[in-house]
C-alpha atoms as a PDB file:
ATOM      1  CA  MET A   1       6.848   5.593   2.893  1.00  0.00           C
ATOM      2  CA  ASP A   2       9.448   4.933   5.527  1.00  0.00           C
ATOM      3  CA  SER A   3      10.296   7.954   7.653  1.00  0.00           C
ATOM      4  CA  ARG A   4      13.957   7.260   6.926  1.00  0.00           C
ATOM      5  CA  SER A   5      14.198   8.165   3.276  1.00  0.00           C
ATOM      6  CA  ILE A   6      16.033  10.660   1.142  1.00  0.00           C
ATOM      7  CA  THR A   7      14.941  12.650  -1.860  1.00  0.00           C
ATOM      8  CA  SER A   8      16.846  12.005  -5.085  1.00  0.00           C
ATOM      9  CA  PHE A   9      18.743  14.812  -6.767  1.00  0.00           C
ATOM     10  CA  ASP A  10      16.497  14.723  -9.828  1.00  0.00           C
ATOM     11  CA  THR A  11      14.397  17.856  -9.385  1.00  0.00           C
ATOM     12  CA  SER A  12      11.982  17.043 -12.233  1.00  0.00           C
ATOM     13  CA  SER A  13      10.476  14.140 -10.353  1.00  0.00           C
ATOM     14  CA  ALA A  14      10.861  14.231  -6.598  1.00  0.00           C
ATOM     15  CA  THR A  15      11.067  10.548  -5.817  1.00  0.00           C
ATOM     16  CA  GLU A  16      11.995   9.194  -2.442  1.00  0.00           C
ATOM     17  CA  ILE A  17      14.510   6.406  -2.066  1.00  0.00           C
ATOM     18  CA  PRO A  18      14.074   4.406   1.132  1.00  0.00           C
ATOM     19  CA  LEU A  19      17.153   3.773   3.246  1.00  0.00           C
ATOM     20  CA  LYS A  20      17.797   0.152   4.035  1.00  0.00           C
ATOM     21  CA  ASN A  21      18.735  -1.090   7.464  1.00  0.00           C
ATOM     22  CA  PHE A  22      21.030  -3.876   6.173  1.00  0.00           C
ATOM     23  CA  GLY A  23      20.117  -6.085   9.133  1.00  0.00           C
ATOM     24  CA  TYR A  24      21.641  -3.847  11.808  1.00  0.00           C
ATOM     25  CA  ALA A  25      19.711  -2.795  14.879  1.00  0.00           C
ATOM     26  CA  GLU A  26      18.715   0.811  15.242  1.00  0.00           C
ATOM     27  CA  PRO A  27      21.089   2.780  17.481  1.00  0.00           C
ATOM     28  CA  GLN A  28      19.380   3.714  20.692  1.00  0.00           C
ATOM     29  CA  CYS A  29      20.300   6.502  23.021  1.00  0.00           C
ATOM     30  CA  ILE A  30      20.674   5.235  26.551  1.00  0.00           C
ATOM     31  CA  THR A  31      20.571   7.841  29.254  1.00  0.00           C
ATOM     32  CA  ARG A  32      21.391   6.761  32.720  1.00  0.00           C
ATOM     33  CA  GLU A  33      22.008   8.714  35.885  1.00  0.00           C
ATOM     34  CA  SER A  34      25.449   8.331  37.368  1.00  0.00           C
ATOM     35  CA  PRO A  35      25.539   6.769  40.833  1.00  0.00           C
ATOM     36  CA  ILE A  36      27.952   9.522  41.895  1.00  0.00           C
ATOM     37  CA  PRO A  37      26.295  12.857  42.737  1.00  0.00           C
ATOM     38  CA  ARG A  38      27.059  15.764  40.432  1.00  0.00           C
ATOM     39  CA  TRP A  39      28.573  17.928  43.183  1.00  0.00           C
ATOM     40  CA  ARG A  40      31.059  15.178  44.000  1.00  0.00           C
ATOM     41  CA  ARG A  41      32.096  14.764  40.369  1.00  0.00           C
ATOM     42  CA  VAL A  42      32.554  18.510  39.912  1.00  0.00           C
ATOM     43  CA  SER A  43      34.466  18.930  43.169  1.00  0.00           C
ATOM     44  CA  SER A  44      36.716  15.962  42.304  1.00  0.00           C
ATOM     45  CA  VAL A  45      37.648  17.499  38.972  1.00  0.00           C
ATOM     46  CA  ALA A  46      38.261  20.885  40.627  1.00  0.00           C
ATOM     47  CA  ILE A  47      40.491  19.393  43.326  1.00  0.00           C
ATOM     48  CA  LEU A  48      42.483  17.326  40.821  1.00  0.00           C
ATOM     49  CA  SER A  49      42.926  20.389  38.602  1.00  0.00           C
ATOM     50  CA  LEU A  50      44.241  22.451  41.516  1.00  0.00           C
ATOM     51  CA  LEU A  51      46.629  19.672  42.553  1.00  0.00           C
ATOM     52  CA  SER A  52      47.887  19.466  38.991  1.00  0.00           C
ATOM     53  CA  LEU A  53      48.464  23.222  39.026  1.00  0.00           C
ATOM     54  CA  PHE A  54      50.437  22.990  42.264  1.00  0.00           C
ATOM     55  CA  THR A  55      52.624  20.201  40.911  1.00  0.00           C
ATOM     56  CA  MET A  56      53.570  22.447  37.996  1.00  0.00           C
ATOM     57  CA  PHE A  57      55.045  25.110  40.277  1.00  0.00           C
ATOM     58  CA  ASP A  58      58.271  23.201  40.941  1.00  0.00           C
ATOM     59  CA  ARG A  59      59.215  23.420  37.277  1.00  0.00           C
ATOM     60  CA  TYR A  60      59.251  27.214  37.427  1.00  0.00           C
ATOM     61  CA  VAL A  61      61.003  27.768  40.751  1.00  0.00           C
ATOM     62  CA  THR A  62      64.393  28.497  39.241  1.00  0.00           C
ATOM     63  CA  ALA A  63      62.930  30.754  36.554  1.00  0.00           C
ATOM     64  CA  GLY A  64      61.290  32.874  39.250  1.00  0.00           C
ATOM     65  CA  ILE A  65      64.394  33.277  41.389  1.00  0.00           C
ATOM     66  CA  LEU A  66      66.933  33.330  38.560  1.00  0.00           C
ATOM     67  CA  PRO A  67      67.380  37.140  38.497  1.00  0.00           C
ATOM     68  CA  ARG A  68      68.103  37.115  42.240  1.00  0.00           C
ATOM     69  CA  LEU A  69      70.575  34.266  41.834  1.00  0.00           C
ATOM     70  CA  GLU A  70      72.331  36.132  39.037  1.00  0.00           C
ATOM     71  CA  GLY A  71      72.572  39.275  41.162  1.00  0.00           C
ATOM     72  CA  TYR A  72      73.651  37.486  44.347  1.00  0.00           C
ATOM     73  CA  TYR A  73      76.343  35.363  42.709  1.00  0.00           C
ATOM     74  CA  ALA A  74      77.254  38.041  40.120  1.00  0.00           C
ATOM     75  CA  ILE A  75      76.862  35.695  37.153  1.00  0.00           C
ATOM     76  CA  SER A  76      75.842  36.481  33.592  1.00  0.00           C
ATOM     77  CA  ASN A  77      72.600  35.579  31.847  1.00  0.00           C
ATOM     78  CA  THR A  78      74.454  32.779  30.077  1.00  0.00           C
ATOM     79  CA  TRP A  79      75.335  31.088  33.354  1.00  0.00           C
ATOM     80  CA  GLY A  80      71.819  31.733  34.624  1.00  0.00           C
ATOM     81  CA  GLY A  81      70.431  29.946  31.573  1.00  0.00           C
ATOM     82  CA  LEU A  82      72.829  27.075  32.192  1.00  0.00           C
ATOM     83  CA  ILE A  83      71.533  26.791  35.773  1.00  0.00           C
ATOM     84  CA  GLN A  84      67.945  26.637  34.492  1.00  0.00           C
ATOM     85  CA  THR A  85      68.866  24.038  31.862  1.00  0.00           C
ATOM     86  CA  ALA A  86      70.761  21.891  34.369  1.00  0.00           C
ATOM     87  CA  TYR A  87      67.813  21.992  36.763  1.00  0.00           C
ATOM     88  CA  VAL A  88      65.351  20.872  34.083  1.00  0.00           C
ATOM     89  CA  VAL A  89      67.643  18.084  32.814  1.00  0.00           C
ATOM     90  CA  VAL A  90      68.188  16.705  36.332  1.00  0.00           C
ATOM     91  CA  TYR A  91      64.451  17.032  37.013  1.00  0.00           C
ATOM     92  CA  VAL A  92      63.518  15.051  33.889  1.00  0.00           C
ATOM     93  CA  VAL A  93      66.093  12.317  34.558  1.00  0.00           C
ATOM     94  CA  CYS A  94      64.860  11.950  38.148  1.00  0.00           C
ATOM     95  CA  LEU A  95      61.236  11.767  36.956  1.00  0.00           C
ATOM     96  CA  ILE A  96      62.072   8.939  34.569  1.00  0.00           C
ATOM     97  CA  VAL A  97      64.020   6.986  37.206  1.00  0.00           C
ATOM     98  CA  ILE A  98      61.428   7.494  39.946  1.00  0.00           C
ATOM     99  CA  GLY A  99      58.611   6.644  37.523  1.00  0.00           C
ATOM    100  CA  ALA A 100      60.305   3.379  36.553  1.00  0.00           C
ATOM    101  CA  ILE A 101      60.845   2.492  40.219  1.00  0.00           C
ATOM    102  CA  GLY A 102      57.239   3.345  41.020  1.00  0.00           C
ATOM    103  CA  ASP A 103      55.966   1.122  38.227  1.00  0.00           C
ATOM    104  CA  ARG A 104      57.917  -1.862  39.551  1.00  0.00           C
ATOM    105  CA  MET A 105      56.848  -1.517  43.185  1.00  0.00           C
ATOM    106  CA  SER A 106      53.507  -2.813  44.394  1.00  0.00           C
ATOM    107  CA  SER A 107      51.021  -0.353  45.839  1.00  0.00           C
ATOM    108  CA  ALA A 108      50.049  -2.629  48.733  1.00  0.00           C
END
Protein backbone atom coordinates (compact mmCIF):
# COMPACT_ATOMS: atom_id res chain seq x y z
CA MET A 1 0.00 0.00 0.00
CA ASP A 2 1.02 3.58 -0.52
CA SER A 3 2.66 5.18 2.50
CA ARG A 4 0.22 8.06 2.12
CA SER A 5 -3.03 6.46 3.14
CA ILE A 6 -5.62 6.89 5.83
CA THR A 7 -7.60 4.37 7.81
CA SER A 8 -11.38 4.52 7.40
CA PHE A 9 -13.59 5.20 10.39
CA ASP A 10 -15.20 1.77 10.21
CA THR A 11 -13.61 -0.03 13.15
CA SER A 12 -14.99 -3.47 12.22
CA SER A 13 -12.81 -3.72 9.16
CA ALA A 14 -9.70 -1.57 9.18
CA THR A 15 -9.34 -0.80 5.51
CA GLU A 16 -6.91 1.72 4.14
CA ILE A 17 -7.96 4.25 1.55
CA PRO A 18 -5.08 5.53 -0.56
CA LEU A 19 -4.75 9.28 -1.00
CA LYS A 20 -4.59 10.43 -4.58
CA ASN A 21 -2.11 12.98 -5.83
CA PHE A 22 -4.52 14.52 -8.39
CA GLY A 23 -1.62 15.28 -10.74
CA TYR A 24 0.12 17.77 -8.46
CA ALA A 25 3.80 17.51 -7.65
CA GLU A 26 4.82 16.61 -4.14
CA PRO A 27 5.76 19.65 -2.05
CA GLN A 28 9.45 19.65 -1.34
CA CYS A 29 11.22 21.42 1.45
CA ILE A 30 14.05 23.52 0.12
CA THR A 31 16.63 24.59 2.64
CA ARG A 32 19.20 27.04 1.53
CA GLU A 33 21.80 29.00 3.45
CA SER A 34 21.42 32.74 3.30
CA PRO A 35 24.32 34.58 1.66
CA ILE A 36 24.26 37.05 4.57
CA PRO A 37 26.00 35.82 7.73
CA ARG A 38 23.79 35.20 10.75
CA TRP A 39 25.61 37.73 12.96
CA ARG A 40 24.96 40.46 10.39
CA ARG A 41 21.26 39.63 10.16
CA VAL A 42 20.87 39.60 13.94
CA SER A 43 22.83 42.82 14.43
CA SER A 44 20.81 44.53 11.67
CA VAL A 45 17.54 43.65 13.37
CA ALA A 46 18.91 44.79 16.75
CA ILE A 47 20.11 48.13 15.37
CA LEU A 48 16.83 48.78 13.53
CA SER A 49 14.87 47.92 16.68
CA LEU A 50 16.92 50.36 18.76
CA LEU A 51 16.51 53.10 16.16
CA SER A 52 12.77 52.50 16.15
CA LEU A 53 12.76 52.80 19.93
CA PHE A 54 14.63 56.10 19.78
CA THR A 55 12.23 57.52 17.21
CA MET A 56 9.36 56.81 19.60
CA PHE A 57 10.81 59.05 22.31
CA ASP A 58 9.73 62.30 20.65
CA ARG A 59 6.08 61.34 21.04
CA TYR A 60 6.43 61.23 24.82
CA VAL A 61 8.54 64.33 25.42
CA THR A 62 5.63 66.52 26.46
CA ALA A 63 4.12 63.82 28.66
CA GLY A 64 7.40 63.57 30.57
CA ILE A 65 7.81 67.29 31.16
CA LEU A 66 4.12 68.14 31.50
CA PRO A 67 4.08 68.28 35.33
CA ARG A 68 7.01 70.72 35.26
CA LEU A 69 5.30 72.85 32.63
CA GLU A 70 2.12 72.92 34.71
CA GLY A 71 4.06 73.98 37.80
CA TYR A 72 6.22 76.56 36.02
CA TYR A 73 3.36 78.25 34.16
CA ALA A 74 0.83 77.64 36.97
CA ILE A 75 -1.73 76.00 34.68
CA SER A 76 -4.31 73.34 35.48
CA ASN A 77 -4.34 69.72 34.37
CA THR A 78 -6.95 70.64 31.77
CA TRP A 79 -4.61 73.09 30.07
CA GLY A 80 -1.77 70.60 30.40
CA GLY A 81 -3.88 68.01 28.59
CA LEU A 82 -4.67 70.57 25.90
CA ILE A 83 -0.93 71.19 25.42
CA GLN A 84 -0.34 67.44 25.02
CA THR A 85 -3.25 67.12 22.57
CA ALA A 86 -2.09 70.11 20.52
CA TYR A 87 1.42 68.69 20.32
CA VAL A 88 0.19 65.31 19.08
CA VAL A 89 -2.20 66.86 16.51
CA VAL A 90 0.54 69.11 15.09
CA TYR A 91 2.95 66.15 15.10
CA VAL A 92 0.54 63.94 13.13
CA VAL A 93 -0.28 66.67 10.60
CA CYS A 94 3.43 67.35 10.04
CA LEU A 95 4.11 63.62 9.60
CA ILE A 96 1.45 63.36 6.91
CA VAL A 97 2.70 66.45 5.05
CA ILE A 98 6.37 65.48 5.27
CA GLY A 99 5.55 61.89 4.27
CA ALA A 100 3.69 63.09 1.17
CA ILE A 101 6.58 65.38 0.24
CA GLY A 102 9.07 62.57 0.78
CA ASP A 103 7.09 60.24 -1.47
CA ARG A 104 7.13 62.75 -4.32
CA MET A 105 10.85 63.55 -4.16
CA SER A 106 13.43 61.29 -5.75
CA SER A 107 16.04 59.68 -3.53
CA ALA A 108 18.90 60.35 -5.96
